[in-house]
């Protein structure tokens, strides 16, 4: 039963991220993006409950969601640690400055990165100090690698973006691209034919 639920989640995730993305006219839906975030969260909960127990996986989830919420909001406000950006309304409701879907995405991806690191280092059979240090380090590189692969395809830099005229603004390349076209930073209104497109060039000096 448990394995069946996990495989069903994998199948649905593959559909909304691969099939629906490849055939957007046929299977495109506003629900695909939330599902792509919620399904890894559910997978992490079920799989983690078996591997670490409910208390362990819930503690992991609380830490991931809490820390990611703080750091994302801090970065939007100050530019540290992910760079300067802000979220538009594409991802739905926000908790302060960050969409509610973002912290759960950290949990799902963080857990999968942790499990992959544990498998690579075979820590189920090793409980030494080195493995305890190495797992979070390797998991960090896996998660960053996932983000590096995801961001270029979702970046708004250098491609046209449909933006309402009241919200048209200059863009700023960030050190940590935001997903699904939300890395717009409104510094000043833009006018003219290029107002709806993004540019990575800095504005011309006055005079």
C-alpha atoms as a PDB file:
ATOM      1  CA  UNK A   1       0.000   0.000   0.000  1.00  0.00           C
ATOM      2  CA  UNK A   2       2.744   2.421   1.013  1.00  0.00           C
ATOM      3  CA  UNK A   3       4.855   1.639  -2.049  1.00  0.00           C
ATOM      4  CA  UNK A   4       1.793   2.022  -4.254  1.00  0.00           C
ATOM      5  CA  UNK A   5       1.143   5.527  -2.906  1.00  0.00           C
ATOM      6  CA  UNK A   6       4.765   6.537  -3.488  1.00  0.00           C
ATOM      7  CA  UNK A   7       4.767   5.224  -7.067  1.00  0.00           C
ATOM      8  CA  UNK A   8       1.450   6.959  -7.745  1.00  0.00           C
ATOM      9  CA  UNK A   9       2.941  10.259  -6.553  1.00  0.00           C
ATOM     10  CA  UNK A  10       5.957   9.708  -8.815  1.00  0.00           C
ATOM     11  CA  UNK A  11       3.680   9.019 -11.803  1.00  0.00           C
ATOM     12  CA  UNK A  12       1.556  12.120 -11.214  1.00  0.00           C
ATOM     13  CA  UNK A  13       4.670  14.240 -10.737  1.00  0.00           C
ATOM     14  CA  UNK A  14       6.144  12.944 -14.006  1.00  0.00           C
ATOM     15  CA  UNK A  15       2.903  13.789 -15.770  1.00  0.00           C
ATOM     16  CA  UNK A  16       2.614  17.396 -14.544  1.00  0.00           C
ATOM     17  CA  UNK A  17       6.327  18.165 -15.029  1.00  0.00           C
ATOM     18  CA  UNK A  18       7.149  16.243 -18.224  1.00  0.00           C
ATOM     19  CA  UNK A  19       4.008  15.346 -20.183  1.00  0.00           C
ATOM     20  CA  UNK A  20       2.026  18.492 -19.381  1.00  0.00           C
ATOM     21  CA  UNK A  21       5.069  20.683 -19.959  1.00  0.00           C
ATOM     22  CA  UNK A  22       5.761  19.007 -23.309  1.00  0.00           C
ATOM     23  CA  UNK A  23       2.134  19.232 -24.440  1.00  0.00           C
ATOM     24  CA  UNK A  24       0.912  22.480 -22.886  1.00  0.00           C
ATOM     25  CA  UNK A  25      -1.994  22.948 -25.323  1.00  0.00           C
ATOM     26  CA  UNK A  26      -3.415  19.555 -24.376  1.00  0.00           C
ATOM     27  CA  UNK A  27      -2.531  19.182 -20.704  1.00  0.00           C
ATOM     28  CA  UNK A  28      -1.683  22.716 -19.625  1.00  0.00           C
ATOM     29  CA  UNK A  29      -3.463  23.744 -16.427  1.00  0.00           C
ATOM     30  CA  UNK A  30      -3.034  26.338 -13.657  1.00  0.00           C
ATOM     31  CA  UNK A  31      -2.951  23.393 -11.248  1.00  0.00           C
ATOM     32  CA  UNK A  32       0.263  21.963 -12.713  1.00  0.00           C
ATOM     33  CA  UNK A  33       2.604  24.357 -10.901  1.00  0.00           C
ATOM     34  CA  UNK A  34       1.098  23.855  -7.420  1.00  0.00           C
ATOM     35  CA  UNK A  35       1.022  20.091  -8.030  1.00  0.00           C
ATOM     36  CA  UNK A  36       4.713  20.122  -8.974  1.00  0.00           C
ATOM     37  CA  UNK A  37       5.428  21.514  -5.506  1.00  0.00           C
ATOM     38  CA  UNK A  38       2.827  19.700  -3.396  1.00  0.00           C
ATOM     39  CA  UNK A  39       3.592  16.214  -4.784  1.00  0.00           C
ATOM     40  CA  UNK A  40       7.281  16.208  -3.696  1.00  0.00           C
ATOM     41  CA  UNK A  41       6.107  17.465  -0.292  1.00  0.00           C
ATOM     42  CA  UNK A  42       3.689  14.523   0.061  1.00  0.00           C
ATOM     43  CA  UNK A  43       6.329  12.105  -1.198  1.00  0.00           C
ATOM     44  CA  UNK A  44       8.821  13.430   1.350  1.00  0.00           C
ATOM     45  CA  UNK A  45       6.287  13.077   4.166  1.00  0.00           C
ATOM     46  CA  UNK A  46       5.323   9.477   3.342  1.00  0.00           C
ATOM     47  CA  UNK A  47       8.826   8.320   2.481  1.00  0.00           C
ATOM     48  CA  UNK A  48      10.382  10.203   5.386  1.00  0.00           C
ATOM     49  CA  UNK A  49       7.878   8.765   7.866  1.00  0.00           C
ATOM     50  CA  UNK A  50       9.079   5.281   6.929  1.00  0.00           C
ATOM     51  CA  UNK A  51      12.758   6.180   6.929  1.00  0.00           C
ATOM     52  CA  UNK A  52      12.927   8.488   9.948  1.00  0.00           C
ATOM     53  CA  UNK A  53       9.537   8.190  11.670  1.00  0.00           C
ATOM     54  CA  UNK A  54       6.790  10.800  11.754  1.00  0.00           C
ATOM     55  CA  UNK A  55       8.473  12.804  14.506  1.00  0.00           C
ATOM     56  CA  UNK A  56      11.726  12.967  12.560  1.00  0.00           C
ATOM     57  CA  UNK A  57      10.230  13.963   9.211  1.00  0.00           C
ATOM     58  CA  UNK A  58       7.889  16.549  10.750  1.00  0.00           C
ATOM     59  CA  UNK A  59      10.865  18.113  12.562  1.00  0.00           C
ATOM     60  CA  UNK A  60      12.759  18.181   9.246  1.00  0.00           C
ATOM     61  CA  UNK A  61       9.776  19.812   7.523  1.00  0.00           C
ATOM     62  CA  UNK A  62       9.376  22.474  10.215  1.00  0.00           C
ATOM     63  CA  UNK A  63      13.078  23.355  10.001  1.00  0.00           C
ATOM     64  CA  UNK A  64      13.033  23.532   6.184  1.00  0.00           C
ATOM     65  CA  UNK A  65       9.899  25.642   5.975  1.00  0.00           C
ATOM     66  CA  UNK A  66      10.868  27.940   8.835  1.00  0.00           C
ATOM     67  CA  UNK A  67      14.458  28.594   7.720  1.00  0.00           C
ATOM     68  CA  UNK A  68      13.552  28.985   4.029  1.00  0.00           C
ATOM     69  CA  UNK A  69      10.762  31.447   4.859  1.00  0.00           C
ATOM     70  CA  UNK A  70      13.139  33.592   6.910  1.00  0.00           C
ATOM     71  CA  UNK A  71      15.967  33.520   4.348  1.00  0.00           C
ATOM     72  CA  UNK A  72      13.703  34.173   1.348  1.00  0.00           C
ATOM     73  CA  UNK A  73      12.085  37.170   3.028  1.00  0.00           C
ATOM     74  CA  UNK A  74      15.487  38.427   4.148  1.00  0.00           C
ATOM     75  CA  UNK A  75      16.811  38.165   0.604  1.00  0.00           C
ATOM     76  CA  UNK A  76      13.852  40.047  -0.871  1.00  0.00           C
ATOM     77  CA  UNK A  77      14.374  42.791   1.701  1.00  0.00           C
ATOM     78  CA  UNK A  78      18.182  43.023   1.675  1.00  0.00           C
ATOM     79  CA  UNK A  79      19.573  40.980  -1.219  1.00  0.00           C
ATOM     80  CA  UNK A  80      21.217  38.494   1.187  1.00  0.00           C
ATOM     81  CA  UNK A  81      21.743  35.566   0.737  1.00  0.00           C
ATOM     82  CA  UNK A  82      20.151  34.908  -2.693  1.00  0.00           C
ATOM     83  CA  UNK A  83      20.499  38.264  -4.437  1.00  0.00           C
ATOM     84  CA  UNK A  84      18.083  41.059  -5.302  1.00  0.00           C
ATOM     85  CA  UNK A  85      14.679  40.043  -6.614  1.00  0.00           C
ATOM     86  CA  UNK A  86      11.040  40.044  -5.662  1.00  0.00           C
ATOM     87  CA  UNK A  87       8.100  37.758  -6.271  1.00  0.00           C
ATOM     88  CA  UNK A  88       5.172  38.780  -8.440  1.00  0.00           C
ATOM     89  CA  UNK A  89       1.707  37.259  -8.001  1.00  0.00           C
ATOM     90  CA  UNK A  90       2.377  34.352 -10.398  1.00  0.00           C
ATOM     91  CA  UNK A  91       2.815  31.880  -7.548  1.00  0.00           C
ATOM     92  CA  UNK A  92      -0.256  32.999  -5.643  1.00  0.00           C
ATOM     93  CA  UNK A  93      -0.729  34.154  -2.028  1.00  0.00           C
ATOM     94  CA  UNK A  94       2.287  35.225  -0.001  1.00  0.00           C
ATOM     95  CA  UNK A  95       3.486  35.063   3.570  1.00  0.00           C
ATOM     96  CA  UNK A  96       4.823  38.610   3.880  1.00  0.00           C
ATOM     97  CA  UNK A  97       6.959  38.831   0.701  1.00  0.00           C
ATOM     98  CA  UNK A  98       7.302  35.159  -0.279  1.00  0.00           C
ATOM     99  CA  UNK A  99       4.659  32.956  -1.961  1.00  0.00           C
ATOM    100  CA  UNK A 100       3.286  30.220   0.253  1.00  0.00           C
ATOM    101  CA  UNK A 101       4.399  27.590  -2.282  1.00  0.00           C
ATOM    102  CA  UNK A 102       8.113  28.394  -1.960  1.00  0.00           C
ATOM    103  CA  UNK A 103       8.921  27.020   1.555  1.00  0.00           C
ATOM    104  CA  UNK A 104       7.219  23.641   0.873  1.00  0.00           C
ATOM    105  CA  UNK A 105       9.295  23.422  -2.319  1.00  0.00           C
ATOM    106  CA  UNK A 106      12.418  23.703  -0.167  1.00  0.00           C
ATOM    107  CA  UNK A 107      11.190  20.835   1.997  1.00  0.00           C
ATOM    108  CA  UNK A 108      10.426  18.474  -0.868  1.00  0.00           C
ATOM    109  CA  UNK A 109      13.648  19.174  -2.734  1.00  0.00           C
ATOM    110  CA  UNK A 110      15.731  19.274   0.437  1.00  0.00           C
ATOM    111  CA  UNK A 111      14.501  15.877   1.569  1.00  0.00           C
ATOM    112  CA  UNK A 112      15.119  14.252  -1.818  1.00  0.00           C
ATOM    113  CA  UNK A 113      18.616  15.776  -1.884  1.00  0.00           C
ATOM    114  CA  UNK A 114      19.278  14.387   1.596  1.00  0.00           C
ATOM    115  CA  UNK A 115      18.122  10.884   0.626  1.00  0.00           C
ATOM    116  CA  UNK A 116      20.212  10.900  -2.549  1.00  0.00           C
ATOM    117  CA  UNK A 117      23.270  11.987  -0.581  1.00  0.00           C
ATOM    118  CA  UNK A 118      22.640   9.221   1.960  1.00  0.00           C
ATOM    119  CA  UNK A 119      22.399   6.640  -0.834  1.00  0.00           C
ATOM    120  CA  UNK A 120      25.541   7.880  -2.551  1.00  0.00           C
ATOM    121  CA  UNK A 121      27.515   7.706   0.699  1.00  0.00           C
ATOM    122  CA  UNK A 122      25.837   4.481   1.861  1.00  0.00           C
ATOM    123  CA  UNK A 123      25.171   5.951   5.288  1.00  0.00           C
ATOM    124  CA  UNK A 124      22.505   3.349   6.115  1.00  0.00           C
ATOM    125  CA  UNK A 125      25.437   1.036   6.843  1.00  0.00           C
ATOM    126  CA  UNK A 126      27.803   3.709   8.135  1.00  0.00           C
ATOM    127  CA  UNK A 127      27.183   5.781  11.237  1.00  0.00           C
ATOM    128  CA  UNK A 128      30.619   7.317  11.648  1.00  0.00           C
ATOM    129  CA  UNK A 129      31.338  11.026  12.143  1.00  0.00           C
ATOM    130  CA  UNK A 130      32.604  11.479   8.589  1.00  0.00           C
ATOM    131  CA  UNK A 131      29.354  10.317   7.057  1.00  0.00           C
ATOM    132  CA  UNK A 132      27.350  12.630   9.311  1.00  0.00           C
ATOM    133  CA  UNK A 133      29.390  15.571   8.081  1.00  0.00           C
ATOM    134  CA  UNK A 134      29.499  14.478   4.446  1.00  0.00           C
ATOM    135  CA  UNK A 135      25.742  13.889   3.962  1.00  0.00           C
ATOM    136  CA  UNK A 136      24.634  17.512   4.478  1.00  0.00           C
ATOM    137  CA  UNK A 137      27.544  18.748   2.348  1.00  0.00           C
ATOM    138  CA  UNK A 138      26.731  16.423  -0.563  1.00  0.00           C
ATOM    139  CA  UNK A 139      22.998  17.101  -0.178  1.00  0.00           C
ATOM    140  CA  UNK A 140      23.720  20.830  -0.404  1.00  0.00           C
ATOM    141  CA  UNK A 141      25.529  20.383  -3.715  1.00  0.00           C
ATOM    142  CA  UNK A 142      22.691  18.215  -5.067  1.00  0.00           C
ATOM    143  CA  UNK A 143      20.081  20.817  -4.155  1.00  0.00           C
ATOM    144  CA  UNK A 144      22.131  23.693  -5.568  1.00  0.00           C
ATOM    145  CA  UNK A 145      22.711  21.667  -8.749  1.00  0.00           C
ATOM    146  CA  UNK A 146      18.951  21.209  -9.097  1.00  0.00           C
ATOM    147  CA  UNK A 147      18.429  24.941  -8.663  1.00  0.00           C
ATOM    148  CA  UNK A 148      21.172  25.846 -11.149  1.00  0.00           C
ATOM    149  CA  UNK A 149      19.523  23.598 -13.763  1.00  0.00           C
ATOM    150  CA  UNK A 150      16.054  24.972 -13.058  1.00  0.00           C
ATOM    151  CA  UNK A 151      16.748  28.697 -12.960  1.00  0.00           C
ATOM    152  CA  UNK A 152      18.049  29.294 -16.517  1.00  0.00           C
ATOM    153  CA  UNK A 153      14.873  27.824 -18.016  1.00  0.00           C
ATOM    154  CA  UNK A 154      12.705  30.004 -15.796  1.00  0.00           C
ATOM    155  CA  UNK A 155      14.766  33.174 -15.903  1.00  0.00           C
ATOM    156  CA  UNK A 156      13.157  36.336 -17.248  1.00  0.00           C
ATOM    157  CA  UNK A 157      16.494  37.878 -18.242  1.00  0.00           C
ATOM    158  CA  UNK A 158      16.803  38.401 -21.986  1.00  0.00           C
ATOM    159  CA  UNK A 159      13.324  37.234 -23.009  1.00  0.00           C
ATOM    160  CA  UNK A 160      10.008  39.056 -23.480  1.00  0.00           C
ATOM    161  CA  UNK A 161       7.565  38.876 -20.600  1.00  0.00           C
ATOM    162  CA  UNK A 162       3.911  39.888 -20.687  1.00  0.00           C
ATOM    163  CA  UNK A 163       3.579  42.518 -17.969  1.00  0.00           C
ATOM    164  CA  UNK A 164       0.613  44.856 -17.414  1.00  0.00           C
ATOM    165  CA  UNK A 165       1.445  48.437 -18.393  1.00  0.00           C
ATOM    166  CA  UNK A 166       0.982  49.610 -14.812  1.00  0.00           C
ATOM    167  CA  UNK A 167       3.610  47.142 -13.625  1.00  0.00           C
ATOM    168  CA  UNK A 168       6.218  47.478 -16.367  1.00  0.00           C
ATOM    169  CA  UNK A 169       9.618  47.946 -14.836  1.00  0.00           C
ATOM    170  CA  UNK A 170      13.319  47.538 -15.324  1.00  0.00           C
ATOM    171  CA  UNK A 171      14.881  44.216 -14.439  1.00  0.00           C
ATOM    172  CA  UNK A 172      17.966  43.413 -12.486  1.00  0.00           C
ATOM    173  CA  UNK A 173      19.929  40.198 -13.041  1.00  0.00           C
ATOM    174  CA  UNK A 174      20.048  38.379  -9.718  1.00  0.00           C
ATOM    175  CA  UNK A 175      22.552  35.906  -8.337  1.00  0.00           C
ATOM    176  CA  UNK A 176      19.707  33.488  -7.630  1.00  0.00           C
ATOM    177  CA  UNK A 177      17.061  33.457 -10.361  1.00  0.00           C
ATOM    178  CA  UNK A 178      13.477  33.103  -9.213  1.00  0.00           C
ATOM    179  CA  UNK A 179      11.167  30.477 -10.663  1.00  0.00           C
ATOM    180  CA  UNK A 180       8.354  31.010 -13.131  1.00  0.00           C
ATOM    181  CA  UNK A 181       8.991  34.593 -14.170  1.00  0.00           C
ATOM    182  CA  UNK A 182       8.895  36.281 -10.824  1.00  0.00           C
ATOM    183  CA  UNK A 183      12.339  37.926 -10.767  1.00  0.00           C
ATOM    184  CA  UNK A 184      11.102  41.396 -11.706  1.00  0.00           C
ATOM    185  CA  UNK A 185      12.372  44.358  -9.745  1.00  0.00           C
ATOM    186  CA  UNK A 186      10.404  47.584 -10.224  1.00  0.00           C
ATOM    187  CA  UNK A 187      12.818  50.504 -10.053  1.00  0.00           C
ATOM    188  CA  UNK A 188      11.099  52.922 -12.438  1.00  0.00           C
ATOM    189  CA  UNK A 189       8.396  52.841 -15.131  1.00  0.00           C
ATOM    190  CA  UNK A 190       9.454  52.049 -18.679  1.00  0.00           C
ATOM    191  CA  UNK A 191       7.952  53.522 -21.810  1.00  0.00           C
ATOM    192  CA  UNK A 192       8.181  52.866 -25.516  1.00  0.00           C
ATOM    193  CA  UNK A 193       8.049  49.658 -27.586  1.00  0.00           C
ATOM    194  CA  UNK A 194      10.478  47.796 -25.313  1.00  0.00           C
ATOM    195  CA  UNK A 195       8.487  48.473 -22.150  1.00  0.00           C
ATOM    196  CA  UNK A 196       7.073  44.949 -22.046  1.00  0.00           C
ATOM    197  CA  UNK A 197      10.390  43.204 -22.624  1.00  0.00           C
ATOM    198  CA  UNK A 198      13.270  42.616 -20.268  1.00  0.00           C
ATOM    199  CA  UNK A 199      16.825  43.813 -20.710  1.00  0.00           C
ATOM    200  CA  UNK A 200      19.969  42.900 -18.830  1.00  0.00           C
ATOM    201  CA  UNK A 201      21.706  46.132 -19.813  1.00  0.00           C
ATOM    202  CA  UNK A 202      22.024  48.835 -17.165  1.00  0.00           C
ATOM    203  CA  UNK A 203      20.111  52.112 -17.764  1.00  0.00           C
ATOM    204  CA  UNK A 204      21.936  54.901 -19.557  1.00  0.00           C
ATOM    205  CA  UNK A 205      23.400  57.637 -17.317  1.00  0.00           C
ATOM    206  CA  UNK A 206      21.405  60.881 -17.135  1.00  0.00           C
ATOM    207  CA  UNK A 207      22.319  63.754 -19.393  1.00  0.00           C
END
